[in-house]
Amino acid sequence: VAFHLSQVPVAGTLEVFLDPDGGGQSPEVEIFEDPTYQSPYAFVYDLVTNSLVFSLETMPPEGATLRVVYDLAETA
């Protein structure tokens, strides 16, 4: 499952936060990129498609919300 970003992040600035129930009842937690998918809710950032990619095993639960924070490259 892929979530496409609207703009390309500056390398090293991507932060992803998960609200498991999507309603603010559960504390928001930071989740991390993991190319081996060894942790819950881990994702891989795909530079080609500019998206966060989750495996079926690490996909956030239905109704969850993601908050993605990153810096943008300055334009000339």
N, C-alpha and C. Protein backbone atom coordinates (compact mmCIF):
# COMPACT_ATOMS: atom_id res chain seq x y z
N VAL A 1 0.85 -1.17 0.00
CA VAL A 1 0.00 0.00 0.00
C VAL A 1 0.89 1.23 0.00
N ALA A 2 0.61 2.18 -0.89
CA ALA A 2 1.44 3.37 -1.03
C ALA A 2 0.65 4.63 -0.73
N PHE A 3 1.29 5.56 -0.04
CA PHE A 3 0.74 6.89 0.22
C PHE A 3 1.67 7.89 -0.45
N HIS A 4 1.17 8.56 -1.47
CA HIS A 4 1.99 9.48 -2.26
C HIS A 4 2.07 10.85 -1.58
N LEU A 5 3.28 11.40 -1.56
CA LEU A 5 3.50 12.72 -0.98
C LEU A 5 3.26 13.78 -2.05
N SER A 6 2.82 14.95 -1.63
CA SER A 6 2.52 16.01 -2.60
C SER A 6 3.76 16.70 -3.13
N GLN A 7 4.85 16.69 -2.34
CA GLN A 7 6.11 17.28 -2.78
C GLN A 7 7.26 16.39 -2.34
N VAL A 8 8.43 16.62 -2.91
CA VAL A 8 9.60 15.79 -2.60
C VAL A 8 10.31 16.35 -1.38
N PRO A 9 10.54 15.51 -0.35
CA PRO A 9 11.22 15.98 0.85
C PRO A 9 12.73 16.10 0.64
N VAL A 10 13.33 17.03 1.37
CA VAL A 10 14.79 17.12 1.43
C VAL A 10 15.27 15.85 2.13
N ALA A 11 16.33 15.25 1.63
CA ALA A 11 16.86 14.01 2.23
C ALA A 11 17.13 14.20 3.72
N GLY A 12 16.71 13.22 4.48
CA GLY A 12 16.97 13.22 5.91
C GLY A 12 16.00 14.01 6.75
N THR A 13 14.96 14.60 6.15
CA THR A 13 14.01 15.41 6.92
C THR A 13 12.64 14.77 7.09
N LEU A 14 12.43 13.61 6.51
CA LEU A 14 11.12 12.96 6.53
C LEU A 14 10.81 12.40 7.92
N GLU A 15 9.69 12.84 8.49
CA GLU A 15 9.20 12.32 9.77
C GLU A 15 7.75 11.91 9.57
N VAL A 16 7.38 10.73 10.10
CA VAL A 16 6.03 10.22 9.92
C VAL A 16 5.46 9.85 11.29
N PHE A 17 4.24 10.36 11.56
CA PHE A 17 3.58 10.12 12.83
C PHE A 17 2.24 9.42 12.57
N LEU A 18 1.89 8.49 13.44
CA LEU A 18 0.69 7.68 13.28
C LEU A 18 -0.24 7.89 14.47
N ASP A 19 -1.50 8.18 14.18
CA ASP A 19 -2.56 8.17 15.19
C ASP A 19 -3.36 6.89 14.91
N PRO A 20 -3.15 5.83 15.71
CA PRO A 20 -3.73 4.52 15.38
C PRO A 20 -5.24 4.50 15.22
N ASP A 21 -5.97 5.33 15.97
CA ASP A 21 -7.42 5.29 15.85
C ASP A 21 -7.98 6.43 15.00
N GLY A 22 -7.12 7.35 14.60
CA GLY A 22 -7.53 8.43 13.73
C GLY A 22 -8.38 9.49 14.37
N GLY A 23 -8.65 9.37 15.65
CA GLY A 23 -9.52 10.34 16.30
C GLY A 23 -8.88 11.05 17.47
N GLY A 24 -7.60 10.85 17.69
CA GLY A 24 -6.92 11.52 18.77
C GLY A 24 -7.12 10.85 20.13
N GLN A 25 -7.80 9.70 20.17
CA GLN A 25 -8.01 9.00 21.44
C GLN A 25 -6.74 8.29 21.89
N SER A 26 -5.94 7.83 20.93
CA SER A 26 -4.67 7.17 21.23
C SER A 26 -3.55 8.18 21.01
N PRO A 27 -2.45 8.04 21.76
CA PRO A 27 -1.34 8.97 21.54
C PRO A 27 -0.71 8.74 20.16
N GLU A 28 -0.33 9.84 19.54
CA GLU A 28 0.35 9.77 18.25
C GLU A 28 1.77 9.25 18.48
N VAL A 29 2.23 8.36 17.61
CA VAL A 29 3.57 7.80 17.72
C VAL A 29 4.33 8.03 16.42
N GLU A 30 5.63 8.21 16.54
CA GLU A 30 6.45 8.34 15.34
C GLU A 30 6.75 6.95 14.82
N ILE A 31 6.66 6.78 13.51
CA ILE A 31 7.03 5.50 12.89
C ILE A 31 8.20 5.77 11.95
N PHE A 32 8.96 4.72 11.65
CA PHE A 32 10.23 4.91 10.97
C PHE A 32 10.34 4.06 9.72
N GLU A 33 11.19 4.54 8.82
CA GLU A 33 11.49 3.81 7.60
C GLU A 33 12.27 2.57 7.98
N ASP A 34 11.89 1.43 7.43
CA ASP A 34 12.55 0.17 7.70
C ASP A 34 12.51 -0.69 6.45
N PRO A 35 13.60 -0.74 5.69
CA PRO A 35 13.58 -1.50 4.44
C PRO A 35 13.36 -2.99 4.64
N THR A 36 13.51 -3.50 5.87
CA THR A 36 13.29 -4.92 6.12
C THR A 36 11.91 -5.18 6.70
N TYR A 37 11.12 -4.13 6.97
CA TYR A 37 9.77 -4.25 7.53
C TYR A 37 9.75 -5.06 8.82
N GLN A 38 10.70 -4.81 9.71
CA GLN A 38 10.80 -5.59 10.94
C GLN A 38 10.04 -4.98 12.11
N SER A 39 9.54 -3.78 11.98
CA SER A 39 8.83 -3.17 13.09
C SER A 39 7.38 -2.86 12.71
N PRO A 40 6.49 -2.77 13.70
CA PRO A 40 5.09 -2.47 13.38
C PRO A 40 4.97 -1.13 12.67
N TYR A 41 4.14 -1.08 11.67
CA TYR A 41 3.85 0.13 10.91
C TYR A 41 5.05 0.69 10.16
N ALA A 42 6.10 -0.08 9.99
CA ALA A 42 7.27 0.41 9.26
C ALA A 42 6.91 0.64 7.78
N PHE A 43 7.62 1.58 7.18
CA PHE A 43 7.40 1.89 5.77
C PHE A 43 8.74 1.99 5.08
N VAL A 44 8.70 2.03 3.77
CA VAL A 44 9.87 2.32 2.95
C VAL A 44 9.52 3.55 2.12
N TYR A 45 10.44 4.51 2.05
CA TYR A 45 10.22 5.68 1.19
C TYR A 45 10.72 5.34 -0.20
N ASP A 46 9.84 5.44 -1.19
CA ASP A 46 10.17 5.17 -2.58
C ASP A 46 10.42 6.50 -3.29
N LEU A 47 11.68 6.78 -3.58
CA LEU A 47 12.06 8.04 -4.21
C LEU A 47 11.46 8.17 -5.61
N VAL A 48 11.38 7.07 -6.34
CA VAL A 48 10.87 7.11 -7.72
C VAL A 48 9.41 7.56 -7.76
N THR A 49 8.59 7.04 -6.85
CA THR A 49 7.17 7.39 -6.85
C THR A 49 6.83 8.45 -5.80
N ASN A 50 7.85 8.88 -5.02
CA ASN A 50 7.67 9.87 -3.95
C ASN A 50 6.52 9.45 -3.03
N SER A 51 6.66 8.24 -2.51
CA SER A 51 5.58 7.72 -1.67
C SER A 51 6.12 6.90 -0.51
N LEU A 52 5.28 6.79 0.53
CA LEU A 52 5.54 5.91 1.65
C LEU A 52 4.88 4.58 1.31
N VAL A 53 5.63 3.49 1.36
CA VAL A 53 5.11 2.19 0.98
C VAL A 53 5.10 1.28 2.21
N PHE A 54 3.93 0.74 2.51
CA PHE A 54 3.75 -0.19 3.63
C PHE A 54 3.49 -1.58 3.07
N SER A 55 4.02 -2.60 3.73
CA SER A 55 3.68 -3.97 3.36
C SER A 55 2.32 -4.28 4.00
N LEU A 56 1.72 -5.37 3.61
CA LEU A 56 0.44 -5.75 4.22
C LEU A 56 0.59 -6.00 5.71
N GLU A 57 1.76 -6.48 6.13
CA GLU A 57 2.00 -6.77 7.54
C GLU A 57 2.22 -5.51 8.38
N THR A 58 2.67 -4.43 7.77
CA THR A 58 3.00 -3.22 8.55
C THR A 58 2.07 -2.05 8.23
N MET A 59 1.02 -2.30 7.47
CA MET A 59 0.08 -1.25 7.11
C MET A 59 -0.65 -0.74 8.36
N PRO A 60 -0.81 0.58 8.50
CA PRO A 60 -1.58 1.12 9.63
C PRO A 60 -3.00 0.57 9.64
N PRO A 61 -3.61 0.50 10.82
CA PRO A 61 -4.97 -0.03 10.90
C PRO A 61 -5.99 0.86 10.19
N GLU A 62 -7.09 0.27 9.79
CA GLU A 62 -8.16 1.03 9.16
C GLU A 62 -8.60 2.15 10.09
N GLY A 63 -8.77 3.34 9.55
CA GLY A 63 -9.20 4.49 10.33
C GLY A 63 -8.06 5.29 10.93
N ALA A 64 -6.84 4.78 10.83
CA ALA A 64 -5.67 5.50 11.35
C ALA A 64 -5.37 6.71 10.48
N THR A 65 -4.68 7.68 11.06
CA THR A 65 -4.23 8.83 10.28
C THR A 65 -2.72 8.94 10.37
N LEU A 66 -2.13 9.39 9.26
CA LEU A 66 -0.70 9.65 9.20
C LEU A 66 -0.48 11.14 9.10
N ARG A 67 0.53 11.63 9.82
CA ARG A 67 0.96 13.02 9.68
C ARG A 67 2.41 12.96 9.23
N VAL A 68 2.68 13.56 8.07
CA VAL A 68 4.01 13.51 7.47
C VAL A 68 4.59 14.92 7.47
N VAL A 69 5.81 15.03 8.01
CA VAL A 69 6.49 16.33 8.12
C VAL A 69 7.83 16.21 7.40
N TYR A 70 8.15 17.21 6.57
CA TYR A 70 9.46 17.21 5.91
C TYR A 70 9.76 18.61 5.41
N ASP A 71 11.05 18.85 5.20
CA ASP A 71 11.51 20.12 4.63
C ASP A 71 11.44 20.04 3.12
N LEU A 72 11.20 21.18 2.50
CA LEU A 72 11.19 21.28 1.04
C LEU A 72 12.47 21.95 0.57
N ALA A 73 12.94 21.54 -0.58
CA ALA A 73 14.11 22.19 -1.17
C ALA A 73 13.74 23.62 -1.53
N GLU A 74 14.68 24.51 -1.27
CA GLU A 74 14.44 25.91 -1.65
C GLU A 74 14.52 26.05 -3.15
N THR A 75 13.64 26.86 -3.69
CA THR A 75 13.66 27.08 -5.14
C THR A 75 14.42 28.35 -5.44
N ALA A 76 15.07 28.37 -6.59
CA ALA A 76 15.89 29.52 -6.96
C ALA A 76 15.07 30.67 -7.45
